[in-house]
Amino acid sequence: MTSRSAYPSDLSDARWALIEPRLTAWRQSRAAAGVSGHTPTHDLREIFNAILYLNRTGIPWRYLPHDFPPYRTVGGLVVEYYEAAA
């Protein structure tokens, strides 16, 4: 986790423990298959916290606060995850 102040929408450690194995396995399978083409630079928990923040506040993607990963990174990962689940 980063050193930023927590938002009310952030995941608790207990909830992250439930979600993290699935997201990490998905990211590793994509890397092993050579799908992404680059090394991940952003923490999955921070990306997930950004998604929860967007959902909770209802703000547009471009208004995502700067202490989260870039909105294009967050949005791109959401699209990739849903396409892989389809």
N, C-alpha and C. Protein backbone atom coordinates (compact mmCIF):
# COMPACT_ATOMS: atom_id res chain seq x y z
N MET A 1 0.85 -1.18 0.00
CA MET A 1 0.00 0.00 0.00
C MET A 1 0.88 1.24 0.00
N THR A 2 0.38 2.30 -0.56
CA THR A 2 1.16 3.53 -0.65
C THR A 2 1.08 4.32 0.64
N SER A 3 1.81 5.42 0.67
CA SER A 3 1.83 6.26 1.87
C SER A 3 0.76 7.34 1.84
N ARG A 4 -0.13 7.32 0.86
CA ARG A 4 -1.16 8.34 0.79
C ARG A 4 -2.18 8.13 1.92
N SER A 5 -2.91 9.19 2.22
CA SER A 5 -3.99 9.07 3.19
C SER A 5 -5.11 8.21 2.60
N ALA A 6 -5.73 7.44 3.45
CA ALA A 6 -6.78 6.53 2.97
C ALA A 6 -8.06 7.30 2.66
N TYR A 7 -8.77 6.84 1.63
CA TYR A 7 -10.10 7.35 1.31
C TYR A 7 -11.12 6.41 1.96
N PRO A 8 -12.31 6.91 2.26
CA PRO A 8 -13.33 6.04 2.86
C PRO A 8 -13.67 4.84 1.97
N SER A 9 -13.46 4.95 0.67
CA SER A 9 -13.80 3.87 -0.24
C SER A 9 -12.72 2.79 -0.34
N ASP A 10 -11.54 3.01 0.25
CA ASP A 10 -10.45 2.04 0.15
C ASP A 10 -10.81 0.70 0.78
N LEU A 11 -10.23 -0.34 0.20
CA LEU A 11 -10.43 -1.69 0.73
C LEU A 11 -9.76 -1.86 2.08
N SER A 12 -10.39 -2.61 2.95
CA SER A 12 -9.73 -2.99 4.20
C SER A 12 -8.73 -4.10 3.88
N ASP A 13 -7.81 -4.34 4.79
CA ASP A 13 -6.84 -5.42 4.60
C ASP A 13 -7.54 -6.77 4.45
N ALA A 14 -8.60 -6.99 5.22
CA ALA A 14 -9.31 -8.27 5.16
C ALA A 14 -9.98 -8.47 3.79
N ARG A 15 -10.58 -7.43 3.26
CA ARG A 15 -11.22 -7.56 1.95
C ARG A 15 -10.18 -7.71 0.85
N TRP A 16 -9.06 -6.99 0.96
CA TRP A 16 -8.00 -7.13 -0.03
C TRP A 16 -7.46 -8.56 -0.02
N ALA A 17 -7.36 -9.18 1.15
CA ALA A 17 -6.87 -10.55 1.25
C ALA A 17 -7.76 -11.52 0.47
N LEU A 18 -9.03 -11.21 0.35
CA LEU A 18 -9.95 -12.06 -0.41
C LEU A 18 -9.81 -11.86 -1.92
N ILE A 19 -9.53 -10.64 -2.36
CA ILE A 19 -9.49 -10.29 -3.77
C ILE A 19 -8.11 -10.47 -4.40
N GLU A 20 -7.08 -10.20 -3.63
CA GLU A 20 -5.71 -10.16 -4.15
C GLU A 20 -5.25 -11.43 -4.87
N PRO A 21 -5.52 -12.63 -4.36
CA PRO A 21 -5.03 -13.81 -5.06
C PRO A 21 -5.56 -13.93 -6.49
N ARG A 22 -6.82 -13.61 -6.68
CA ARG A 22 -7.43 -13.70 -8.03
C ARG A 22 -6.83 -12.67 -8.98
N LEU A 23 -6.70 -11.43 -8.52
CA LEU A 23 -6.14 -10.39 -9.39
C LEU A 23 -4.67 -10.64 -9.70
N THR A 24 -3.92 -11.10 -8.72
CA THR A 24 -2.50 -11.40 -8.94
C THR A 24 -2.35 -12.55 -9.92
N ALA A 25 -3.17 -13.58 -9.79
CA ALA A 25 -3.11 -14.71 -10.72
C ALA A 25 -3.46 -14.26 -12.13
N TRP A 26 -4.45 -13.39 -12.26
CA TRP A 26 -4.83 -12.88 -13.58
C TRP A 26 -3.69 -12.09 -14.20
N ARG A 27 -3.07 -11.21 -13.41
CA ARG A 27 -1.95 -10.40 -13.91
C ARG A 27 -0.77 -11.29 -14.31
N GLN A 28 -0.47 -12.30 -13.51
CA GLN A 28 0.65 -13.20 -13.81
C GLN A 28 0.37 -14.03 -15.05
N SER A 29 -0.87 -14.47 -15.25
CA SER A 29 -1.19 -15.26 -16.44
C SER A 29 -1.07 -14.42 -17.70
N ARG A 30 -1.43 -13.15 -17.62
CA ARG A 30 -1.28 -12.24 -18.77
C ARG A 30 0.19 -12.01 -19.08
N ALA A 31 1.00 -11.84 -18.04
CA ALA A 31 2.43 -11.62 -18.25
C ALA A 31 3.08 -12.86 -18.84
N ALA A 32 2.69 -14.04 -18.36
CA ALA A 32 3.26 -15.28 -18.87
C ALA A 32 2.88 -15.52 -20.33
N ALA A 33 1.69 -15.07 -20.71
CA ALA A 33 1.23 -15.23 -22.09
C ALA A 33 1.77 -14.12 -23.00
N GLY A 34 2.42 -13.13 -22.42
CA GLY A 34 2.96 -12.03 -23.20
C GLY A 34 1.90 -11.09 -23.74
N VAL A 35 0.75 -11.03 -23.06
CA VAL A 35 -0.36 -10.21 -23.55
C VAL A 35 -0.12 -8.73 -23.33
N SER A 36 0.37 -8.35 -22.17
CA SER A 36 0.46 -6.93 -21.85
C SER A 36 1.61 -6.23 -22.55
N GLY A 37 2.72 -6.91 -22.77
CA GLY A 37 3.84 -6.32 -23.48
C GLY A 37 4.70 -5.40 -22.64
N HIS A 38 4.39 -5.23 -21.37
CA HIS A 38 5.21 -4.39 -20.50
C HIS A 38 5.14 -4.90 -19.06
N THR A 39 6.08 -4.47 -18.26
CA THR A 39 6.10 -4.84 -16.85
C THR A 39 5.15 -3.94 -16.07
N PRO A 40 4.28 -4.52 -15.25
CA PRO A 40 3.35 -3.70 -14.47
C PRO A 40 4.11 -2.75 -13.53
N THR A 41 3.66 -1.51 -13.46
CA THR A 41 4.31 -0.53 -12.60
C THR A 41 3.42 -0.05 -11.46
N HIS A 42 2.14 -0.34 -11.53
CA HIS A 42 1.21 0.15 -10.51
C HIS A 42 0.70 -1.00 -9.66
N ASP A 43 0.54 -0.71 -8.39
CA ASP A 43 0.06 -1.68 -7.41
C ASP A 43 -1.41 -2.02 -7.69
N LEU A 44 -1.72 -3.32 -7.73
CA LEU A 44 -3.08 -3.75 -8.01
C LEU A 44 -4.08 -3.24 -6.97
N ARG A 45 -3.65 -3.18 -5.74
CA ARG A 45 -4.55 -2.68 -4.69
C ARG A 45 -4.90 -1.22 -4.94
N GLU A 46 -3.94 -0.42 -5.36
CA GLU A 46 -4.21 0.99 -5.65
C GLU A 46 -5.14 1.14 -6.86
N ILE A 47 -4.97 0.28 -7.84
CA ILE A 47 -5.86 0.31 -9.00
C ILE A 47 -7.28 -0.05 -8.56
N PHE A 48 -7.40 -1.08 -7.75
CA PHE A 48 -8.72 -1.48 -7.26
C PHE A 48 -9.33 -0.39 -6.38
N ASN A 49 -8.52 0.24 -5.54
CA ASN A 49 -9.02 1.35 -4.72
C ASN A 49 -9.50 2.50 -5.60
N ALA A 50 -8.81 2.75 -6.70
CA ALA A 50 -9.23 3.81 -7.63
C ALA A 50 -10.59 3.47 -8.25
N ILE A 51 -10.79 2.21 -8.61
CA ILE A 51 -12.08 1.78 -9.17
C ILE A 51 -13.19 1.97 -8.14
N LEU A 52 -12.92 1.60 -6.90
CA LEU A 52 -13.92 1.79 -5.85
C LEU A 52 -14.21 3.27 -5.61
N TYR A 53 -13.17 4.10 -5.67
CA TYR A 53 -13.35 5.54 -5.50
C TYR A 53 -14.25 6.11 -6.60
N LEU A 54 -13.97 5.71 -7.83
CA LEU A 54 -14.78 6.16 -8.96
C LEU A 54 -16.24 5.72 -8.79
N ASN A 55 -16.41 4.48 -8.38
CA ASN A 55 -17.76 3.94 -8.20
C ASN A 55 -18.50 4.67 -7.09
N ARG A 56 -17.81 4.92 -6.01
CA ARG A 56 -18.45 5.54 -4.84
C ARG A 56 -18.79 7.01 -5.08
N THR A 57 -17.88 7.74 -5.74
CA THR A 57 -18.09 9.18 -5.91
C THR A 57 -18.86 9.52 -7.18
N GLY A 58 -18.80 8.65 -8.18
CA GLY A 58 -19.50 8.92 -9.43
C GLY A 58 -18.82 9.94 -10.31
N ILE A 59 -17.56 10.23 -10.05
CA ILE A 59 -16.85 11.23 -10.86
C ILE A 59 -16.45 10.65 -12.21
N PRO A 60 -16.21 11.50 -13.20
CA PRO A 60 -15.68 11.02 -14.48
C PRO A 60 -14.25 10.48 -14.30
N TRP A 61 -13.86 9.55 -15.17
CA TRP A 61 -12.53 8.94 -15.11
C TRP A 61 -11.42 9.99 -15.05
N ARG A 62 -11.53 11.02 -15.86
CA ARG A 62 -10.48 12.04 -15.93
C ARG A 62 -10.29 12.81 -14.63
N TYR A 63 -11.28 12.78 -13.75
CA TYR A 63 -11.19 13.52 -12.49
C TYR A 63 -10.61 12.67 -11.35
N LEU A 64 -10.11 11.51 -11.67
CA LEU A 64 -9.51 10.66 -10.65
C LEU A 64 -8.36 11.41 -9.97
N PRO A 65 -8.33 11.48 -8.64
CA PRO A 65 -7.26 12.22 -7.95
C PRO A 65 -5.87 11.71 -8.34
N HIS A 66 -4.92 12.61 -8.28
CA HIS A 66 -3.56 12.32 -8.74
C HIS A 66 -2.79 11.34 -7.84
N ASP A 67 -3.29 11.06 -6.66
CA ASP A 67 -2.58 10.10 -5.82
C ASP A 67 -2.95 8.65 -6.14
N PHE A 68 -3.84 8.45 -7.11
CA PHE A 68 -4.13 7.12 -7.66
C PHE A 68 -3.32 6.94 -8.94
N PRO A 69 -3.23 5.71 -9.45
CA PRO A 69 -2.61 5.52 -10.77
C PRO A 69 -3.37 6.33 -11.83
N PRO A 70 -2.73 6.59 -12.97
CA PRO A 70 -3.40 7.37 -14.02
C PRO A 70 -4.74 6.75 -14.44
N TYR A 71 -5.69 7.62 -14.76
CA TYR A 71 -7.04 7.13 -15.09
C TYR A 71 -7.03 6.20 -16.29
N ARG A 72 -6.14 6.42 -17.24
CA ARG A 72 -6.07 5.53 -18.41
C ARG A 72 -5.56 4.15 -18.02
N THR A 73 -4.67 4.09 -17.07
CA THR A 73 -4.19 2.80 -16.57
C THR A 73 -5.32 2.05 -15.87
N VAL A 74 -6.03 2.75 -15.01
CA VAL A 74 -7.14 2.14 -14.27
C VAL A 74 -8.22 1.67 -15.24
N GLY A 75 -8.62 2.54 -16.13
CA GLY A 75 -9.67 2.19 -17.10
C GLY A 75 -9.25 1.07 -18.03
N GLY A 76 -7.99 1.10 -18.47
CA GLY A 76 -7.49 0.05 -19.35
C GLY A 76 -7.50 -1.31 -18.69
N LEU A 77 -7.14 -1.34 -17.41
CA LEU A 77 -7.14 -2.61 -16.70
C LEU A 77 -8.55 -3.14 -16.50
N VAL A 78 -9.50 -2.25 -16.27
CA VAL A 78 -10.90 -2.67 -16.14
C VAL A 78 -11.37 -3.32 -17.44
N VAL A 79 -11.09 -2.68 -18.55
CA VAL A 79 -11.49 -3.22 -19.86
C VAL A 79 -10.82 -4.57 -20.10
N GLU A 80 -9.53 -4.67 -19.84
CA GLU A 80 -8.81 -5.93 -20.05
C GLU A 80 -9.38 -7.04 -19.18
N TYR A 81 -9.69 -6.73 -17.92
CA TYR A 81 -10.21 -7.75 -17.02
C TYR A 81 -11.58 -8.24 -17.47
N TYR A 82 -12.46 -7.33 -17.87
CA TYR A 82 -13.78 -7.74 -18.34
C TYR A 82 -13.73 -8.51 -19.65
N GLU A 83 -12.82 -8.13 -20.52
CA GLU A 83 -12.67 -8.88 -21.78
C GLU A 83 -12.15 -10.29 -21.51
N ALA A 84 -11.25 -10.44 -20.55
CA ALA A 84 -10.74 -11.76 -20.21
C ALA A 84 -11.80 -12.62 -19.54
N ALA A 85 -12.72 -11.99 -18.84
CA ALA A 85 -13.78 -12.74 -18.15
C ALA A 85 -14.91 -13.13 -19.09
N ALA A 86 -15.00 -12.47 -20.22
CA ALA A 86 -16.10 -12.74 -21.14
C ALA A 86 -15.94 -14.04 -21.89
